[in-house]
């Protein structure tokens, strides 16, 4: 609904009621962000080691109130290096041993004939 249409069709009392409702039950993009953050926190918790800190929904929400300070190239390089080190220290998954590759049909020897 456009602002002009809303101003024509909704009186101030209804508008205030919608504002109050939104304060209690937010909807729209922020609601989607909270839902996705909840799924992210759950996923991290499922795959975290026992005894580690539980992920919080706020860990996955963008906070526009935090001032963003540009990082130096040295800081970015150090963070990247630490990420790589952490990635390499993660528990290795055991891979199934690959089964031997069977020869293609053209490479297979024909079965021995029963008669001779």
C-alpha atoms as a PDB file:
ATOM      1  CA  UNK A   1       0.000   0.000   0.000  1.00  0.00           C
ATOM      2  CA  UNK A   2       1.371   3.422  -0.912  1.00  0.00           C
ATOM      3  CA  UNK A   3       1.690   6.198   1.659  1.00  0.00           C
ATOM      4  CA  UNK A   4      -0.914   8.293  -0.164  1.00  0.00           C
ATOM      5  CA  UNK A   5      -3.406   5.421  -0.162  1.00  0.00           C
ATOM      6  CA  UNK A   6      -2.693   4.667   3.509  1.00  0.00           C
ATOM      7  CA  UNK A   7      -3.307   8.309   4.408  1.00  0.00           C
ATOM      8  CA  UNK A   8      -6.643   8.198   2.564  1.00  0.00           C
ATOM      9  CA  UNK A   9      -7.836   4.856   3.946  1.00  0.00           C
ATOM     10  CA  UNK A  10      -6.387   4.609   7.482  1.00  0.00           C
ATOM     11  CA  UNK A  11      -7.214   7.073  10.219  1.00  0.00           C
ATOM     12  CA  UNK A  12      -4.730   8.033  12.940  1.00  0.00           C
ATOM     13  CA  UNK A  13      -6.322   5.703  15.497  1.00  0.00           C
ATOM     14  CA  UNK A  14      -5.819   2.638  13.246  1.00  0.00           C
ATOM     15  CA  UNK A  15      -2.292   3.771  12.364  1.00  0.00           C
ATOM     16  CA  UNK A  16      -1.365   4.008  16.064  1.00  0.00           C
ATOM     17  CA  UNK A  17      -2.911   0.566  16.628  1.00  0.00           C
ATOM     18  CA  UNK A  18      -0.718  -0.880  13.856  1.00  0.00           C
ATOM     19  CA  UNK A  19       2.357   0.785  15.376  1.00  0.00           C
ATOM     20  CA  UNK A  20       1.564  -0.747  18.758  1.00  0.00           C
ATOM     21  CA  UNK A  21       0.993  -4.153  17.159  1.00  0.00           C
ATOM     22  CA  UNK A  22       4.338  -3.907  15.344  1.00  0.00           C
ATOM     23  CA  UNK A  23       6.121  -3.126  18.625  1.00  0.00           C
ATOM     24  CA  UNK A  24       4.747  -6.348  20.116  1.00  0.00           C
ATOM     25  CA  UNK A  25       4.819  -8.559  16.995  1.00  0.00           C
ATOM     26  CA  UNK A  26       7.263  -7.201  14.405  1.00  0.00           C
ATOM     27  CA  UNK A  27       6.720  -8.229  10.809  1.00  0.00           C
ATOM     28  CA  UNK A  28       8.526  -7.660   7.528  1.00  0.00           C
ATOM     29  CA  UNK A  29      12.271  -7.855   6.880  1.00  0.00           C
ATOM     30  CA  UNK A  30      13.338  -7.641  10.531  1.00  0.00           C
ATOM     31  CA  UNK A  31      11.128 -10.618  11.292  1.00  0.00           C
ATOM     32  CA  UNK A  32      12.790 -12.598   8.502  1.00  0.00           C
ATOM     33  CA  UNK A  33      16.216 -11.618   9.822  1.00  0.00           C
ATOM     34  CA  UNK A  34      15.319 -12.890  13.284  1.00  0.00           C
ATOM     35  CA  UNK A  35      14.004 -16.181  11.874  1.00  0.00           C
ATOM     36  CA  UNK A  36      17.113 -16.759   9.782  1.00  0.00           C
ATOM     37  CA  UNK A  37      19.344 -15.817  12.734  1.00  0.00           C
ATOM     38  CA  UNK A  38      17.468 -18.357  14.860  1.00  0.00           C
ATOM     39  CA  UNK A  39      18.138 -21.065  12.242  1.00  0.00           C
ATOM     40  CA  UNK A  40      21.814 -20.091  12.046  1.00  0.00           C
ATOM     41  CA  UNK A  41      22.214 -20.271  15.829  1.00  0.00           C
ATOM     42  CA  UNK A  42      20.512 -23.664  15.904  1.00  0.00           C
ATOM     43  CA  UNK A  43      22.752 -24.971  13.116  1.00  0.00           C
ATOM     44  CA  UNK A  44      25.895 -23.788  14.901  1.00  0.00           C
ATOM     45  CA  UNK A  45      24.740 -25.336  18.185  1.00  0.00           C
ATOM     46  CA  UNK A  46      24.069 -28.678  16.518  1.00  0.00           C
ATOM     47  CA  UNK A  47      27.574 -28.795  15.046  1.00  0.00           C
ATOM     48  CA  UNK A  48      29.480 -27.331  18.028  1.00  0.00           C
ATOM     49  CA  UNK A  49      31.587 -29.305  20.450  1.00  0.00           C
ATOM     50  CA  UNK A  50      30.065 -30.280  23.779  1.00  0.00           C
ATOM     51  CA  UNK A  51      30.617 -27.639  26.419  1.00  0.00           C
ATOM     52  CA  UNK A  52      31.174 -24.815  23.934  1.00  0.00           C
ATOM     53  CA  UNK A  53      29.285 -21.547  24.245  1.00  0.00           C
ATOM     54  CA  UNK A  54      25.791 -21.708  22.835  1.00  0.00           C
ATOM     55  CA  UNK A  55      25.250 -19.458  19.832  1.00  0.00           C
ATOM     56  CA  UNK A  56      22.963 -16.493  20.369  1.00  0.00           C
ATOM     57  CA  UNK A  57      20.480 -15.150  17.864  1.00  0.00           C
ATOM     58  CA  UNK A  58      22.180 -11.770  18.244  1.00  0.00           C
ATOM     59  CA  UNK A  59      25.412 -13.334  16.913  1.00  0.00           C
ATOM     60  CA  UNK A  60      23.745 -13.498  13.502  1.00  0.00           C
ATOM     61  CA  UNK A  61      21.835 -10.210  13.410  1.00  0.00           C
ATOM     62  CA  UNK A  62      23.176  -7.119  11.705  1.00  0.00           C
ATOM     63  CA  UNK A  63      23.447  -4.300  14.213  1.00  0.00           C
ATOM     64  CA  UNK A  64      23.420  -0.922  12.489  1.00  0.00           C
ATOM     65  CA  UNK A  65      24.064   0.854  15.790  1.00  0.00           C
ATOM     66  CA  UNK A  66      27.630  -0.448  15.991  1.00  0.00           C
ATOM     67  CA  UNK A  67      30.021   2.028  14.363  1.00  0.00           C
ATOM     68  CA  UNK A  68      32.027   0.350  11.631  1.00  0.00           C
ATOM     69  CA  UNK A  69      35.726   1.207  11.763  1.00  0.00           C
ATOM     70  CA  UNK A  70      37.713   0.373   8.634  1.00  0.00           C
ATOM     71  CA  UNK A  71      40.399  -2.202   9.338  1.00  0.00           C
ATOM     72  CA  UNK A  72      43.975  -1.909   8.182  1.00  0.00           C
ATOM     73  CA  UNK A  73      45.366  -4.380   5.677  1.00  0.00           C
ATOM     74  CA  UNK A  74      47.503  -5.880   8.473  1.00  0.00           C
ATOM     75  CA  UNK A  75      44.404  -6.527  10.601  1.00  0.00           C
ATOM     76  CA  UNK A  76      42.569  -8.079   7.654  1.00  0.00           C
ATOM     77  CA  UNK A  77      45.561 -10.275   6.821  1.00  0.00           C
ATOM     78  CA  UNK A  78      45.845 -11.412  10.463  1.00  0.00           C
ATOM     79  CA  UNK A  79      42.112 -12.236  10.590  1.00  0.00           C
ATOM     80  CA  UNK A  80      42.370 -14.174   7.332  1.00  0.00           C
ATOM     81  CA  UNK A  81      45.400 -16.092   8.621  1.00  0.00           C
ATOM     82  CA  UNK A  82      43.578 -16.936  11.869  1.00  0.00           C
ATOM     83  CA  UNK A  83      40.549 -18.131   9.890  1.00  0.00           C
ATOM     84  CA  UNK A  84      42.724 -20.427   7.791  1.00  0.00           C
ATOM     85  CA  UNK A  85      44.461 -21.799  10.885  1.00  0.00           C
ATOM     86  CA  UNK A  86      41.095 -22.459  12.558  1.00  0.00           C
ATOM     87  CA  UNK A  87      39.770 -24.105   9.400  1.00  0.00           C
ATOM     88  CA  UNK A  88      42.783 -26.410   9.228  1.00  0.00           C
ATOM     89  CA  UNK A  89      42.411 -27.336  12.918  1.00  0.00           C
ATOM     90  CA  UNK A  90      38.782 -28.425  12.549  1.00  0.00           C
ATOM     91  CA  UNK A  91      38.058 -32.091  13.170  1.00  0.00           C
ATOM     92  CA  UNK A  92      38.688 -34.060  10.021  1.00  0.00           C
ATOM     93  CA  UNK A  93      35.844 -36.129   8.708  1.00  0.00           C
ATOM     94  CA  UNK A  94      36.665 -39.706   7.984  1.00  0.00           C
ATOM     95  CA  UNK A  95      36.095 -40.421   4.349  1.00  0.00           C
ATOM     96  CA  UNK A  96      34.850 -43.737   3.168  1.00  0.00           C
ATOM     97  CA  UNK A  97      37.422 -45.645   1.244  1.00  0.00           C
ATOM     98  CA  UNK A  98      36.581 -45.553  -2.401  1.00  0.00           C
ATOM     99  CA  UNK A  99      35.691 -48.890  -3.862  1.00  0.00           C
ATOM    100  CA  UNK A 100      37.987 -50.073  -6.622  1.00  0.00           C
ATOM    101  CA  UNK A 101      36.876 -48.886 -10.004  1.00  0.00           C
ATOM    102  CA  UNK A 102      35.490 -51.725 -12.028  1.00  0.00           C
ATOM    103  CA  UNK A 103      36.692 -51.916 -15.611  1.00  0.00           C
ATOM    104  CA  UNK A 104      34.370 -50.694 -18.283  1.00  0.00           C
ATOM    105  CA  UNK A 105      32.371 -53.262 -20.232  1.00  0.00           C
ATOM    106  CA  UNK A 106      34.790 -53.130 -23.154  1.00  0.00           C
ATOM    107  CA  UNK A 107      37.711 -53.940 -20.833  1.00  0.00           C
ATOM    108  CA  UNK A 108      35.980 -56.864 -19.121  1.00  0.00           C
ATOM    109  CA  UNK A 109      36.955 -60.349 -20.170  1.00  0.00           C
ATOM    110  CA  UNK A 110      34.119 -62.477 -21.410  1.00  0.00           C
ATOM    111  CA  UNK A 111      32.988 -65.226 -19.042  1.00  0.00           C
ATOM    112  CA  UNK A 112      34.521 -68.641 -19.686  1.00  0.00           C
ATOM    113  CA  UNK A 113      32.208 -70.833 -21.647  1.00  0.00           C
ATOM    114  CA  UNK A 114      30.837 -73.815 -19.766  1.00  0.00           C
ATOM    115  CA  UNK A 115      31.534 -76.254 -22.569  1.00  0.00           C
ATOM    116  CA  UNK A 116      35.006 -75.653 -23.145  1.00  0.00           C
END
